[in-house]
């Protein structure tokens, strides 16, 4: 898990998966994909089933028979149920992720990291404030140039967070001299943590491969879990698993706009379900695109042209709700802009102002703030990790043990199992 996470809003009943994050990534800027050449290894559409395409791109096979992968402490749960869940959750995003990884000749095992991190739920949020498919904490996200403000969280944006994750993994791969297991461990536990473990082993003339390192418990299970999942994809029949078919074709188009639009309005124009619209555009925290940037949206394949055609027929003022504010004594444009977390330039442009002079009782327009209800917290899930107890979870999320037991019909005589999901509410 990458050291990061965020909060999920939603008006519809969207389940928010809360992952337990232990990943403590170091905050280090990346230099992009310089260590990888852009070359596609496979013919993208040579297989109808995306699982087959993914299986062809697995590169860590030499680790699949390691004895540690058979230790149930790393993953003690129903594998088929888990595979079914991540297959369903990933269908909107995994084609894009695989495309990006293939473009840089990276192991396709990495396309499964969001399964471990967030179960492919972009609204996943951990008690360590990590968020998104790739579970970045705010400092790491900042180092990777992921924008975060009151309107937008790039950690939840499908395209930008995937690019950031690939940048970060590329950086770690280079820093650890081409050792993918070290890089993946560092993605979860932090670069410094892995480096210190390597240094410690060297000082004692011990091996420095991943399996020989003394790492935090979660990181010691993180890499095996990814490898366990990868080898299931490699040979599902061997493990008694059936992989639900995933279509080997893109799910969405990116649509660039030049003005704010309300996500609900966009769903109506595109004639798609609002749940799907939100899951494709989870980065917009207020249910409306950013006043300045970004203002693009993702739409299901086949919807882009009709959406743009209908949008042209609508006046821009109908794209997004506009709040009106009446100037009071002592107000300044810069203070109003700060209160609504928009740039002064945007505020002036929207109101056709060329100077900073405003009058008492003057009415100005504030860029659309979307629908307030979308910010309501609904239902969350916490994925149990090593060391979790009801008392610890209760303390972390500030909810009662009694409620956790009631929401999940728990039997107090049975211990919590690593990987199980606990429903939480706020």
Protein backbone atom coordinates (compact mmCIF):
# COMPACT_ATOMS: atom_id res chain seq x y z
CA UNK A 1 0.00 0.00 0.00
CA UNK A 2 1.25 3.28 -0.78
CA UNK A 3 1.35 5.74 1.92
CA UNK A 4 -1.75 7.76 1.33
CA UNK A 5 -5.56 7.88 1.35
CA UNK A 6 -8.65 10.14 1.28
CA UNK A 7 -12.26 10.50 2.11
CA UNK A 8 -15.18 9.42 0.00
CA UNK A 9 -18.28 11.35 -0.50
CA UNK A 10 -21.33 10.21 -2.36
CA UNK A 11 -25.02 10.82 -2.46
CA UNK A 12 -25.84 7.47 -3.97
CA UNK A 13 -25.05 4.43 -1.95
CA UNK A 14 -21.48 4.01 -2.99
CA UNK A 15 -19.50 1.72 -0.80
CA UNK A 16 -16.26 3.20 0.36
CA UNK A 17 -13.57 0.69 0.97
CA UNK A 18 -11.18 1.70 3.68
CA UNK A 19 -7.85 0.05 3.45
CA UNK A 20 -5.54 -0.19 6.34
CA UNK A 21 -2.42 1.39 5.23
CA UNK A 22 0.92 0.81 6.62
CA UNK A 23 2.73 2.03 3.62
CA UNK A 24 4.91 4.88 4.56
CA UNK A 25 6.41 6.08 1.31
CA UNK A 26 9.23 8.54 1.40
CA UNK A 27 8.34 11.84 -0.18
CA UNK A 28 10.64 11.94 -3.20
CA UNK A 29 9.92 13.51 -6.57
CA UNK A 30 10.18 11.26 -9.57
CA UNK A 31 11.84 11.91 -12.87
CA UNK A 32 9.19 10.14 -14.93
CA UNK A 33 9.70 7.05 -17.06
CA UNK A 34 13.22 7.72 -18.24
CA UNK A 35 14.38 4.22 -17.36
CA UNK A 36 11.74 2.56 -19.54
CA UNK A 37 11.42 2.66 -23.29
CA UNK A 38 7.93 3.10 -24.69
CA UNK A 39 7.32 -0.17 -26.48
CA UNK A 40 4.26 -2.36 -26.52
CA UNK A 41 5.18 -5.99 -26.04
CA UNK A 42 1.90 -7.55 -27.00
CA UNK A 43 -0.72 -7.00 -29.60
CA UNK A 44 -3.33 -5.35 -27.38
CA UNK A 45 -6.36 -7.01 -28.86
CA UNK A 46 -4.92 -10.47 -29.50
CA UNK A 47 -7.06 -11.83 -26.64
CA UNK A 48 -10.71 -11.15 -25.84
CA UNK A 49 -10.13 -11.77 -22.16
CA UNK A 50 -8.03 -9.14 -20.39
CA UNK A 51 -6.86 -11.70 -17.82
CA UNK A 52 -5.03 -13.56 -20.61
CA UNK A 53 -3.34 -10.36 -21.75
CA UNK A 54 -2.33 -9.65 -18.16
CA UNK A 55 -1.01 -13.19 -17.69
CA UNK A 56 1.21 -12.80 -20.77
CA UNK A 57 2.84 -9.77 -19.19
CA UNK A 58 3.76 -11.30 -15.82
CA UNK A 59 7.52 -11.02 -15.24
CA UNK A 60 8.04 -12.05 -11.63
CA UNK A 61 7.32 -15.74 -12.25
CA UNK A 62 10.60 -16.89 -10.74
CA UNK A 63 9.22 -15.97 -7.30
CA UNK A 64 5.89 -17.81 -7.66
CA UNK A 65 7.14 -21.03 -6.08
CA UNK A 66 8.72 -19.44 -3.03
CA UNK A 67 7.68 -21.31 0.11
CA UNK A 68 6.52 -18.07 1.80
CA UNK A 69 3.61 -17.85 -0.63
CA UNK A 70 2.06 -20.95 0.89
CA UNK A 71 2.00 -19.47 4.39
CA UNK A 72 -1.59 -18.57 5.21
CA UNK A 73 -0.48 -15.70 7.43
CA UNK A 74 -0.02 -13.63 4.27
CA UNK A 75 -3.51 -14.15 2.91
CA UNK A 76 -6.05 -16.11 4.90
CA UNK A 77 -9.29 -15.53 3.01
CA UNK A 78 -11.55 -16.98 0.33
CA UNK A 79 -9.55 -16.49 -2.86
CA UNK A 80 -12.48 -17.05 -5.24
CA UNK A 81 -14.64 -14.50 -3.44
CA UNK A 82 -11.80 -12.01 -3.52
CA UNK A 83 -11.12 -12.62 -7.23
CA UNK A 84 -14.81 -12.09 -8.01
CA UNK A 85 -14.81 -8.81 -6.11
CA UNK A 86 -11.70 -7.33 -7.68
CA UNK A 87 -12.81 -8.46 -11.14
CA UNK A 88 -16.05 -6.54 -10.73
CA UNK A 89 -14.41 -3.48 -9.20
CA UNK A 90 -11.54 -3.31 -11.69
CA UNK A 91 -13.51 -3.51 -14.92
CA UNK A 92 -13.71 0.28 -15.27
CA UNK A 93 -9.99 0.85 -14.75
CA UNK A 94 -7.75 -2.15 -15.35
CA UNK A 95 -7.55 -1.87 -19.16
CA UNK A 96 -6.16 1.64 -18.77
CA UNK A 97 -3.70 0.52 -16.08
CA UNK A 98 -2.43 -2.38 -18.20
CA UNK A 99 -2.06 -0.11 -21.22
CA UNK A 100 0.08 2.32 -19.24
CA UNK A 101 2.29 -0.40 -17.78
CA UNK A 102 2.80 -2.04 -21.16
CA UNK A 103 3.79 1.30 -22.64
CA UNK A 104 6.80 1.34 -20.33
CA UNK A 105 7.61 -2.36 -20.47
CA UNK A 106 6.82 -2.82 -16.77
CA UNK A 107 5.67 -6.08 -15.14
CA UNK A 108 1.92 -6.47 -15.37
CA UNK A 109 1.92 -7.78 -11.80
CA UNK A 110 1.85 -4.07 -10.96
CA UNK A 111 -1.64 -3.81 -12.45
CA UNK A 112 -2.73 -5.92 -9.48
CA UNK A 113 -1.33 -3.55 -6.85
CA UNK A 114 -4.65 -1.64 -6.63
CA UNK A 115 -6.28 -4.97 -5.75
CA UNK A 116 -4.04 -5.16 -2.68
CA UNK A 117 -4.24 -1.44 -1.96
CA UNK A 118 -7.89 -0.58 -2.45
CA UNK A 119 -9.73 -3.48 -4.12
CA UNK A 120 -9.88 -1.10 -7.12
CA UNK A 121 -12.12 1.35 -5.27
CA UNK A 122 -10.94 4.93 -5.97
CA UNK A 123 -12.80 6.15 -2.88
CA UNK A 124 -10.78 3.87 -0.61
CA UNK A 125 -9.55 5.76 2.43
CA UNK A 126 -7.30 4.54 5.22
CA UNK A 127 -6.84 5.62 8.79
CA UNK A 128 -3.44 6.92 7.70
CA UNK A 129 -5.14 9.27 5.22
CA UNK A 130 -4.13 7.33 2.12
CA UNK A 131 -6.61 7.56 -0.74
CA UNK A 132 -7.46 6.33 -4.21
CA UNK A 133 -6.81 3.20 -6.25
CA UNK A 134 -3.10 3.46 -5.50
CA UNK A 135 -3.45 4.69 -1.90
CA UNK A 136 -1.23 7.77 -1.71
CA UNK A 137 -0.93 9.81 1.47
CA UNK A 138 -0.98 13.60 0.98
CA UNK A 139 2.81 14.22 1.28
CA UNK A 140 3.69 11.51 -1.25
CA UNK A 141 0.96 12.75 -3.56
CA UNK A 142 2.40 16.25 -3.34
CA UNK A 143 5.88 14.98 -4.21
CA UNK A 144 4.36 13.31 -7.28
CA UNK A 145 2.59 16.54 -8.33
CA UNK A 146 -0.89 15.22 -7.65
CA UNK A 147 -3.11 18.25 -7.13
CA UNK A 148 -5.21 18.37 -3.96
CA UNK A 149 -7.55 21.16 -2.92
CA UNK A 150 -11.13 21.54 -1.73
CA UNK A 151 -12.45 20.90 -5.24
CA UNK A 152 -10.28 18.06 -6.47
CA UNK A 153 -8.08 15.22 -5.26
CA UNK A 154 -5.69 13.85 -7.87
CA UNK A 155 -5.13 10.74 -5.74
CA UNK A 156 -8.64 9.65 -6.68
CA UNK A 157 -8.36 10.63 -10.35
CA UNK A 158 -7.98 7.45 -12.41
CA UNK A 159 -5.64 8.84 -15.05
CA UNK A 160 -3.44 11.11 -12.94
CA UNK A 161 -3.06 8.70 -10.01
CA UNK A 162 -2.11 5.84 -12.34
CA UNK A 163 0.53 8.00 -13.99
CA UNK A 164 1.85 9.01 -10.57
CA UNK A 165 1.98 5.39 -9.40
CA UNK A 166 3.93 4.34 -12.50
CA UNK A 167 6.30 7.27 -12.05
CA UNK A 168 6.86 6.33 -8.43
CA UNK A 169 7.34 2.62 -9.13
CA UNK A 170 9.73 3.47 -11.97
CA UNK A 171 11.72 5.66 -9.61
CA UNK A 172 11.87 2.94 -6.93
CA UNK A 173 12.90 0.30 -9.46
CA UNK A 174 15.81 2.46 -10.52
CA UNK A 175 16.79 3.34 -6.94
CA UNK A 176 16.86 -0.33 -5.95
CA UNK A 177 19.05 -1.30 -8.91
CA UNK A 178 16.39 -3.12 -10.88
CA UNK A 179 15.03 -5.26 -8.04
CA UNK A 180 11.24 -5.30 -8.36
CA UNK A 181 10.59 -6.95 -4.99
CA UNK A 182 12.59 -4.24 -3.22
CA UNK A 183 10.75 -1.58 -5.23
CA UNK A 184 7.31 -3.04 -4.41
CA UNK A 185 8.24 -3.38 -0.74
CA UNK A 186 9.35 0.26 -0.74
CA UNK A 187 6.06 1.30 -2.35
CA UNK A 188 4.35 -0.12 0.71
CA UNK A 189 6.78 0.45 3.54
CA UNK A 190 8.79 3.39 2.30
CA UNK A 191 12.12 3.68 0.53
CA UNK A 192 13.99 4.49 3.74
CA UNK A 193 12.60 1.45 5.55
CA UNK A 194 13.80 -0.93 2.84
CA UNK A 195 17.18 0.78 2.52
CA UNK A 196 17.80 0.53 6.26
CA UNK A 197 16.90 -3.18 6.22
CA UNK A 198 19.32 -3.79 3.35
CA UNK A 199 22.07 -1.83 5.11
CA UNK A 200 21.51 -3.80 8.32
CA UNK A 201 21.83 -7.15 6.52
CA UNK A 202 24.96 -6.02 4.70
CA UNK A 203 26.55 -5.00 7.99
CA UNK A 204 26.02 -8.55 9.24
CA UNK A 205 27.12 -10.18 5.96
CA UNK A 206 23.59 -11.49 5.42
CA UNK A 207 21.72 -11.77 2.09
CA UNK A 208 19.86 -8.63 1.03
CA UNK A 209 17.11 -10.16 -1.12
CA UNK A 210 13.55 -9.27 -0.09
CA UNK A 211 12.95 -12.58 1.68
CA UNK A 212 15.98 -12.07 3.94
CA UNK A 213 15.12 -8.54 5.10
CA UNK A 214 13.70 -7.59 8.49
CA UNK A 215 10.75 -5.42 7.47
CA UNK A 216 7.48 -4.28 9.08
CA UNK A 217 4.91 -7.07 9.31
CA UNK A 218 2.58 -5.52 6.74
CA UNK A 219 5.37 -5.06 4.20
CA UNK A 220 6.54 -8.64 4.77
CA UNK A 221 3.05 -9.78 3.74
CA UNK A 222 2.45 -7.10 1.08
CA UNK A 223 4.87 -8.49 -1.49
CA UNK A 224 3.80 -12.15 -0.97
CA UNK A 225 0.13 -11.14 -1.34
CA UNK A 226 0.86 -9.54 -4.71
CA UNK A 227 2.79 -12.62 -5.82
CA UNK A 228 0.04 -14.97 -4.59
CA UNK A 229 -2.52 -13.05 -6.61
CA UNK A 230 -0.20 -12.97 -9.63
CA UNK A 231 0.39 -16.71 -9.63
CA UNK A 232 -3.36 -17.29 -9.42
CA UNK A 233 -3.72 -15.21 -12.58
CA UNK A 234 -0.86 -17.19 -14.14
CA UNK A 235 -2.48 -20.56 -13.45
CA UNK A 236 -5.99 -20.24 -11.95
CA UNK A 237 -6.90 -23.89 -12.48
CA UNK A 238 -4.00 -25.01 -10.30
CA UNK A 239 -5.51 -23.13 -7.37
CA UNK A 240 -9.12 -24.04 -8.08
CA UNK A 241 -9.97 -20.49 -9.15
CA UNK A 242 -12.15 -19.29 -12.00
CA UNK A 243 -11.31 -15.85 -13.35
CA UNK A 244 -14.47 -13.95 -14.35
CA UNK A 245 -14.03 -12.67 -17.89
CA UNK A 246 -12.81 -9.09 -18.29
CA UNK A 247 -13.30 -7.46 -21.68
CA UNK A 248 -10.01 -6.61 -23.38
CA UNK A 249 -11.14 -3.21 -24.57
CA UNK A 250 -11.09 0.33 -23.20
CA UNK A 251 -13.90 1.28 -20.86
CA UNK A 252 -13.74 5.07 -21.06
CA UNK A 253 -12.86 8.12 -23.14
CA UNK A 254 -11.32 11.28 -21.77
CA UNK A 255 -13.39 14.36 -22.63
CA UNK A 256 -11.73 17.77 -22.32
CA UNK A 257 -14.01 20.71 -21.51
CA UNK A 258 -13.35 24.43 -21.24
CA UNK A 259 -15.70 25.22 -18.38
CA UNK A 260 -16.98 23.75 -15.11
CA UNK A 261 -19.65 21.10 -15.33
CA UNK A 262 -21.68 19.42 -12.64
CA UNK A 263 -21.15 15.66 -12.58
CA UNK A 264 -24.88 15.01 -12.17
CA UNK A 265 -25.62 17.26 -15.14
CA UNK A 266 -22.97 15.50 -17.19
CA UNK A 267 -24.46 12.10 -16.36
CA UNK A 268 -27.88 13.35 -17.44
CA UNK A 269 -26.54 14.69 -20.75
CA UNK A 270 -24.54 11.52 -21.43
CA UNK A 271 -27.50 9.35 -20.44
CA UNK A 272 -25.54 7.20 -18.02
CA UNK A 273 -26.15 6.10 -14.45
CA UNK A 274 -24.91 8.63 -11.90
CA UNK A 275 -23.14 5.88 -9.91
CA UNK A 276 -21.06 5.01 -12.96
CA UNK A 277 -20.37 8.69 -13.64
CA UNK A 278 -19.06 9.21 -10.13
CA UNK A 279 -16.91 6.07 -10.21
CA UNK A 280 -15.32 7.28 -13.44
CA UNK A 281 -14.73 10.76 -12.06
CA UNK A 282 -13.94 10.26 -8.36
CA UNK A 283 -11.39 13.06 -8.20
CA UNK A 284 -14.03 15.80 -8.10
CA UNK A 285 -14.83 16.11 -4.41
CA UNK A 286 -17.79 18.49 -4.74
CA UNK A 287 -19.53 16.80 -7.63
CA UNK A 288 -18.36 19.45 -10.07
CA UNK A 289 -15.20 19.85 -12.12
CA UNK A 290 -12.54 22.32 -10.98
CA UNK A 291 -13.06 26.07 -11.52
CA UNK A 292 -9.67 26.31 -13.23
CA UNK A 293 -8.13 22.89 -13.86
CA UNK A 294 -8.78 20.02 -14.34
CA UNK A 295 -12.10 20.28 -16.14
CA UNK A 296 -12.01 17.02 -18.09
CA UNK A 297 -14.33 14.11 -17.43
CA UNK A 298 -14.27 10.40 -18.25
CA UNK A 299 -17.23 8.91 -20.10
CA UNK A 300 -17.95 5.30 -21.09
CA UNK A 301 -16.86 4.36 -24.61
CA UNK A 302 -19.51 5.29 -27.12
CA UNK A 303 -20.89 8.24 -25.16
CA UNK A 304 -18.41 10.99 -26.05
CA UNK A 305 -19.72 12.19 -29.43
CA UNK A 306 -23.39 12.38 -28.46
CA UNK A 307 -22.43 14.04 -25.17
CA UNK A 308 -20.43 16.78 -26.91
CA UNK A 309 -23.18 17.27 -29.48
CA UNK A 310 -25.83 17.77 -26.79
CA UNK A 311 -23.50 19.94 -24.72
CA UNK A 312 -23.07 22.37 -27.61
CA UNK A 313 -26.81 23.01 -27.54
CA UNK A 314 -26.75 24.07 -23.88
CA UNK A 315 -25.63 27.48 -22.60
CA UNK A 316 -22.55 27.19 -20.42
CA UNK A 317 -24.34 28.75 -17.48
CA UNK A 318 -26.49 25.60 -17.30
CA UNK A 319 -23.47 23.29 -17.10
CA UNK A 320 -22.91 23.92 -13.42
CA UNK A 321 -24.76 25.66 -10.57
CA UNK A 322 -23.64 29.20 -9.82
CA UNK A 323 -23.67 30.53 -6.28
CA UNK A 324 -24.41 34.23 -5.85
CA UNK A 325 -22.82 36.24 -3.08
CA UNK A 326 -23.80 39.72 -1.90
CA UNK A 327 -20.87 41.93 -0.95
CA UNK A 328 -20.76 43.03 2.70
CA UNK A 329 -18.86 45.84 4.37
CA UNK A 330 -15.19 44.95 4.67
CA UNK A 331 -15.25 42.26 1.96
CA UNK A 332 -12.42 42.07 -0.56
CA UNK A 333 -12.24 39.97 -3.68
CA UNK A 334 -9.09 38.22 -2.48
CA UNK A 335 -10.76 37.24 0.81
CA UNK A 336 -13.87 35.94 -0.99
CA UNK A 337 -11.67 33.93 -3.36
CA UNK A 338 -9.82 32.46 -0.37
CA UNK A 339 -13.06 31.50 1.42
CA UNK A 340 -14.32 29.61 -1.63
CA UNK A 341 -10.87 28.23 -2.45
CA UNK A 342 -10.75 29.59 -5.98
CA UNK A 343 -8.20 31.80 -7.67
CA UNK A 344 -8.73 35.55 -7.67
CA UNK A 345 -8.25 35.49 -11.43
CA UNK A 346 -11.11 32.97 -11.85
CA UNK A 347 -13.43 35.00 -9.62
CA UNK A 348 -12.72 38.21 -11.54
CA UNK A 349 -13.06 36.51 -14.92
CA UNK A 350 -16.43 34.95 -14.07
CA UNK A 351 -17.78 38.33 -13.03
CA UNK A 352 -16.21 40.37 -15.84
CA UNK A 353 -14.19 42.43 -13.35
CA UNK A 354 -11.05 44.21 -14.51
CA UNK A 355 -10.23 45.78 -11.15
CA UNK A 356 -10.50 44.99 -7.45
CA UNK A 357 -13.11 47.64 -6.59
CA UNK A 358 -16.43 46.21 -5.35
CA UNK A 359 -19.47 47.85 -3.76
CA UNK A 360 -21.54 46.95 -0.68
CA UNK A 361 -24.66 44.95 -1.74
CA UNK A 362 -23.09 44.20 -5.12
CA UNK A 363 -23.87 40.64 -6.18
CA UNK A 364 -21.10 38.48 -7.62
CA UNK A 365 -21.08 34.95 -8.94
CA UNK A 366 -19.03 32.17 -7.38
CA UNK A 367 -17.98 29.23 -9.61
CA UNK A 368 -20.29 26.22 -9.26
CA UNK A 369 -19.91 24.29 -6.04
CA UNK A 370 -21.83 21.22 -7.10
CA UNK A 371 -24.32 19.41 -4.88
CA UNK A 372 -23.58 19.56 -1.17
CA UNK A 373 -25.11 16.15 -0.51
CA UNK A 374 -22.38 14.46 -2.49
CA UNK A 375 -20.00 15.27 0.34
CA UNK A 376 -22.01 13.26 2.83
CA UNK A 377 -20.10 10.35 4.25
CA UNK A 378 -21.95 7.09 3.85
CA UNK A 379 -20.58 3.62 4.32
CA UNK A 380 -16.98 2.46 4.56
CA UNK A 381 -15.05 -0.77 4.73
CA UNK A 382 -11.89 -1.47 6.67
CA UNK A 383 -9.72 -4.35 5.45
CA UNK A 384 -8.24 -6.15 8.46
CA UNK A 385 -4.44 -6.32 8.52
CA UNK A 386 -1.89 -7.88 10.84
CA UNK A 387 -2.23 -6.51 14.38
CA UNK A 388 -5.79 -5.19 14.01
CA UNK A 389 -8.16 -5.59 16.95
CA UNK A 390 -11.66 -4.28 17.48
CA UNK A 391 -10.30 -1.91 20.09
CA UNK A 392 -7.64 -0.55 17.70
CA UNK A 393 -10.10 -0.14 14.83
CA UNK A 394 -12.60 1.52 17.17
CA UNK A 395 -9.94 3.97 18.32
CA UNK A 396 -8.60 4.68 14.82
CA UNK A 397 -12.01 5.54 13.41
CA UNK A 398 -13.56 6.93 16.59
CA UNK A 399 -16.55 4.64 16.54
CA UNK A 400 -17.77 2.21 19.18
CA UNK A 401 -16.82 -1.46 19.31
CA UNK A 402 -20.48 -2.22 19.88
CA UNK A 403 -21.40 -0.62 16.56
CA UNK A 404 -18.65 -2.47 14.67
CA UNK A 405 -19.94 -5.77 16.07
CA UNK A 406 -23.55 -4.90 15.22
CA UNK A 407 -22.81 -3.71 11.66
CA UNK A 408 -20.81 -6.85 10.87
CA UNK A 409 -22.66 -9.51 12.94
CA UNK A 410 -19.37 -10.50 14.53
CA UNK A 411 -18.88 -13.42 16.87
CA UNK A 412 -16.64 -12.25 19.71
CA UNK A 413 -15.38 -15.80 20.18
CA UNK A 414 -13.76 -15.74 16.73
CA UNK A 415 -10.66 -13.65 15.95
CA UNK A 416 -10.54 -11.12 13.14
CA UNK A 417 -9.03 -12.61 9.99
CA UNK A 418 -6.46 -10.79 7.90
CA UNK A 419 -8.09 -9.61 4.69
CA UNK A 420 -11.67 -9.67 5.98
CA UNK A 421 -13.76 -6.54 5.43
CA UNK A 422 -15.48 -4.72 8.24
CA UNK A 423 -18.35 -2.39 7.44
CA UNK A 424 -18.01 0.99 9.15
CA UNK A 425 -20.32 3.99 9.19
CA UNK A 426 -19.86 7.64 10.03
